[in-house]
Amino acid sequence: MIVGVLGLQGDFREHLQALERMGVERRDVRTPEALQEVDALIIPGGESTTLSKLMNMYGLTPVLQKQARKGFPVYGTCAGAILIAKEVEDGKPQGLGLMDITVARNAYGRQLDSFETDLNIKTIGKFHGIFIRAPKITRCGSGTEILAEQDGDPVLVRQGAMLAGTFHPELTHDSRVHEYFLRMIG
C-alpha cells in the first residue's frame, strides 16, 4: 500500500514524516499522474484557498473527485477537511464536495486563538489534539460518523473511505489517527 500526501502547500512534510516513522510507503503527490500511483491520499492543513487554487491549476481536482466517488480513501486534516467538505459556510474556497459535512473556516478564531486539548476518539481513546486556526464541522450528514468532539462540535468524522479532522495529528508523535486511517484503507 502506498499513501500519498498532497504536497502543494501546507504541512505535507509532517504527514510524510509521520508515515515514514510508521514504516509506510508514501509519496508526495503534486500531479494527476502521481495521484494515480497511490492507494490513498492525505490532504494536509495549510491555507485552503491556496490549496484549492493549486489543485485546480495542476488538474488534480477532477481526477481526485472522480477517484473519491469510486471509494478512493481520502483523509483531510484542517484545510484538508475544508476541501473535502460538501459545503463551506462562507462559500470559499470551492471545495471538492466529497464528504457530507459543512465546515466553517477559522471558526475557533485567529492564529492567536490556536489551542491544544485532549480528545476522546472512538476506537483510539485519549488523544492530544492541536488546533491551529481550525475550522469547525457545523453539520454532519446522516451517513457521517462522529469519532470525536470538542465542546460538542465534531472534530473527527468518517464517511465511508473518507476521514476528516479539524486538528493536526501529524504535529504529535502519536500515530494512532494515521493508523486508524490505514485500517480504514485495509
Protein backbone atom coordinates (compact mmCIF):
# COMPACT_ATOMS: atom_id res chain seq x y z
CA MET A 1 0.00 0.00 0.00
CA ILE A 2 1.26 3.47 -0.93
CA VAL A 3 -0.19 6.53 0.82
CA GLY A 4 0.08 9.84 -0.96
CA VAL A 5 0.22 13.24 0.70
CA LEU A 6 -0.87 16.28 -1.31
CA GLY A 7 2.39 18.24 -1.48
CA LEU A 8 1.31 21.55 -2.97
CA GLN A 9 1.22 23.69 0.20
CA GLY A 10 0.82 23.36 3.94
CA ASP A 11 2.21 20.82 6.38
CA PHE A 12 2.59 17.93 3.94
CA ARG A 13 6.16 17.24 5.12
CA GLU A 14 4.92 16.49 8.63
CA HIS A 15 2.43 13.92 7.29
CA LEU A 16 5.15 12.33 5.16
CA GLN A 17 7.41 12.15 8.24
CA ALA A 18 4.62 10.61 10.34
CA LEU A 19 4.09 7.93 7.68
CA GLU A 20 7.85 7.35 7.48
CA ARG A 21 8.03 6.81 11.27
CA MET A 22 5.29 4.21 10.85
CA GLY A 23 7.20 2.43 8.08
CA VAL A 24 4.51 3.19 5.48
CA GLU A 25 5.40 3.58 1.82
CA ARG A 26 4.49 7.16 0.93
CA ARG A 27 4.62 9.64 -1.93
CA ASP A 28 4.46 13.38 -2.32
CA VAL A 29 1.52 13.95 -4.73
CA ARG A 30 1.52 17.07 -6.90
CA THR A 31 0.15 15.87 -10.25
CA PRO A 32 -2.76 13.75 -11.53
CA GLU A 33 -0.20 11.15 -12.65
CA ALA A 34 1.25 10.90 -9.12
CA LEU A 35 -2.29 10.59 -7.73
CA GLN A 36 -2.83 7.54 -9.94
CA GLU A 37 0.19 5.83 -8.31
CA VAL A 38 -1.12 5.87 -4.71
CA ASP A 39 -3.77 3.85 -2.88
CA ALA A 40 -4.98 6.69 -0.62
CA LEU A 41 -4.43 10.43 -0.17
CA ILE A 42 -3.93 12.72 2.81
CA ILE A 43 -4.79 16.37 2.21
CA PRO A 44 -2.84 18.35 4.83
CA GLY A 45 -3.56 21.50 6.73
CA GLY A 46 -2.46 24.76 5.20
CA GLU A 47 -4.33 27.59 3.53
CA SER A 48 -7.50 26.14 1.98
CA THR A 49 -7.95 28.81 -0.70
CA THR A 50 -4.36 28.41 -1.88
CA LEU A 51 -4.62 24.61 -1.85
CA SER A 52 -7.85 24.76 -3.85
CA LYS A 53 -6.34 27.09 -6.47
CA LEU A 54 -3.22 24.94 -6.81
CA MET A 55 -5.24 21.73 -7.10
CA ASN A 56 -7.26 23.31 -9.91
CA MET A 57 -4.16 24.74 -11.59
CA TYR A 58 -2.41 21.34 -11.62
CA GLY A 59 -5.53 19.46 -12.78
CA LEU A 60 -5.89 17.43 -9.58
CA THR A 61 -9.45 18.43 -8.66
CA PRO A 62 -11.45 16.49 -11.28
CA VAL A 63 -9.21 13.42 -11.01
CA LEU A 64 -9.47 13.29 -7.21
CA GLN A 65 -13.24 13.87 -7.29
CA LYS A 66 -13.70 11.01 -9.75
CA GLN A 67 -11.49 8.62 -7.75
CA ALA A 68 -13.04 9.52 -4.36
CA ARG A 69 -16.55 8.98 -5.69
CA LYS A 70 -15.45 5.44 -6.58
CA GLY A 71 -14.27 4.79 -2.99
CA PHE A 72 -10.67 6.05 -3.11
CA PRO A 73 -9.65 6.75 0.55
CA VAL A 74 -9.06 10.40 1.44
CA TYR A 75 -8.10 11.91 4.81
CA GLY A 76 -8.28 15.69 5.18
CA THR A 77 -6.78 17.50 8.17
CA CYS A 78 -7.72 21.11 8.94
CA ALA A 79 -7.62 22.78 5.48
CA GLY A 80 -7.93 19.29 4.01
CA ALA A 81 -11.22 18.84 5.89
CA ILE A 82 -12.43 22.12 4.40
CA LEU A 83 -11.52 20.95 0.91
CA ILE A 84 -13.29 17.58 1.10
CA ALA A 85 -16.46 19.06 2.65
CA LYS A 86 -19.65 19.15 0.63
CA GLU A 87 -20.23 22.70 1.83
CA VAL A 88 -18.13 25.54 3.26
CA GLU A 89 -20.18 28.09 5.19
CA ASP A 90 -18.80 31.23 3.53
CA GLY A 91 -18.66 29.52 0.12
CA LYS A 92 -14.88 29.88 -0.19
CA PRO A 93 -12.92 28.03 -1.31
CA GLN A 94 -14.77 25.94 -3.83
CA GLY A 95 -14.13 22.53 -2.34
CA LEU A 96 -14.18 19.02 -3.70
CA GLY A 97 -17.70 18.31 -2.41
CA LEU A 98 -16.86 14.77 -1.35
CA MET A 99 -17.94 14.35 2.27
CA ASP A 100 -21.43 15.17 3.53
CA ILE A 101 -20.30 17.77 6.07
CA THR A 102 -20.47 21.55 6.34
CA VAL A 103 -17.39 23.35 7.60
CA ALA A 104 -16.80 26.88 8.92
CA ARG A 105 -13.28 28.12 8.22
CA ASN A 106 -11.16 29.58 11.05
CA ALA A 107 -14.15 29.09 13.35
CA TYR A 108 -12.13 28.99 16.57
CA GLY A 109 -10.59 32.38 15.78
CA ARG A 110 -7.30 33.78 14.59
CA GLN A 111 -3.80 32.33 14.89
CA LEU A 112 -3.56 33.63 18.48
CA ASP A 113 -6.64 31.58 19.35
CA SER A 114 -5.00 28.29 18.39
CA PHE A 115 -5.05 25.75 21.22
CA GLU A 116 -4.28 22.22 22.35
CA THR A 117 -6.62 19.90 24.22
CA ASP A 118 -7.12 16.23 24.97
CA LEU A 119 -9.79 14.49 22.90
CA ASN A 120 -11.55 11.19 23.37
CA ILE A 121 -11.59 9.45 19.98
CA LYS A 122 -13.78 6.38 19.40
CA THR A 123 -11.68 3.23 18.91
CA ILE A 124 -8.49 5.21 19.71
CA GLY A 125 -9.04 6.68 23.18
CA LYS A 126 -7.41 9.78 24.63
CA PHE A 127 -5.51 11.81 22.02
CA HIS A 128 -3.81 15.20 22.29
CA GLY A 129 -5.34 17.50 19.66
CA ILE A 130 -3.55 20.53 18.24
CA PHE A 131 -5.93 23.11 16.70
CA ILE A 132 -4.31 25.84 14.58
CA ARG A 133 -6.76 28.39 13.08
CA ALA A 134 -9.01 25.37 12.99
CA PRO A 135 -12.27 25.00 11.14
CA LYS A 136 -15.43 23.67 12.79
CA ILE A 137 -17.60 20.95 11.37
CA THR A 138 -21.03 22.51 11.78
CA ARG A 139 -23.16 19.85 10.10
CA CYS A 140 -22.77 16.12 9.51
CA GLY A 141 -24.94 14.21 7.04
CA SER A 142 -26.76 11.06 8.09
CA GLY A 143 -24.01 8.81 6.69
CA THR A 144 -21.24 10.58 8.62
CA GLU A 145 -19.95 9.04 11.85
CA ILE A 146 -18.67 11.40 14.54
CA LEU A 147 -15.50 9.92 16.05
CA ALA A 148 -14.51 12.82 18.34
CA GLU A 149 -15.92 16.10 19.59
CA GLN A 150 -14.56 19.25 21.24
CA ASP A 151 -17.12 21.21 23.29
CA GLY A 152 -19.95 19.48 21.40
CA ASP A 153 -18.54 20.17 17.93
CA PRO A 154 -17.36 17.28 15.74
CA VAL A 155 -13.58 17.37 15.20
CA LEU A 156 -13.00 13.94 13.62
CA VAL A 157 -15.58 12.34 11.32
CA ARG A 158 -15.76 9.42 8.93
CA GLN A 159 -17.92 8.72 5.91
CA GLY A 160 -17.12 5.53 4.03
CA ALA A 161 -13.48 5.69 2.91
CA MET A 162 -13.13 9.36 3.89
CA LEU A 163 -11.85 10.81 7.16
CA ALA A 164 -11.88 14.50 8.11
CA GLY A 165 -10.30 16.10 11.16
CA THR A 166 -10.01 19.72 12.25
CA PHE A 167 -6.85 19.16 14.30
CA HIS A 168 -3.24 18.22 13.42
CA PRO A 169 -2.23 14.67 14.49
CA GLU A 170 0.88 14.93 12.29
CA LEU A 171 2.31 17.52 14.71
CA THR A 172 2.41 14.94 17.52
CA HIS A 173 4.44 11.75 17.79
CA ASP A 174 1.22 9.80 18.34
CA SER A 175 0.47 7.85 15.15
CA ARG A 176 -2.90 6.39 16.17
CA VAL A 177 -5.06 8.65 13.94
CA HIS A 178 -2.87 7.82 10.93
CA GLU A 179 -3.05 4.15 11.94
CA TYR A 180 -6.85 4.41 12.06
CA PHE A 181 -6.85 5.80 8.50
CA LEU A 182 -4.60 2.93 7.37
CA ARG A 183 -7.01 0.41 8.93
CA MET A 184 -9.85 2.11 7.03
CA ILE A 185 -7.93 1.55 3.80
CA GLY A 186 -7.38 -2.11 4.62
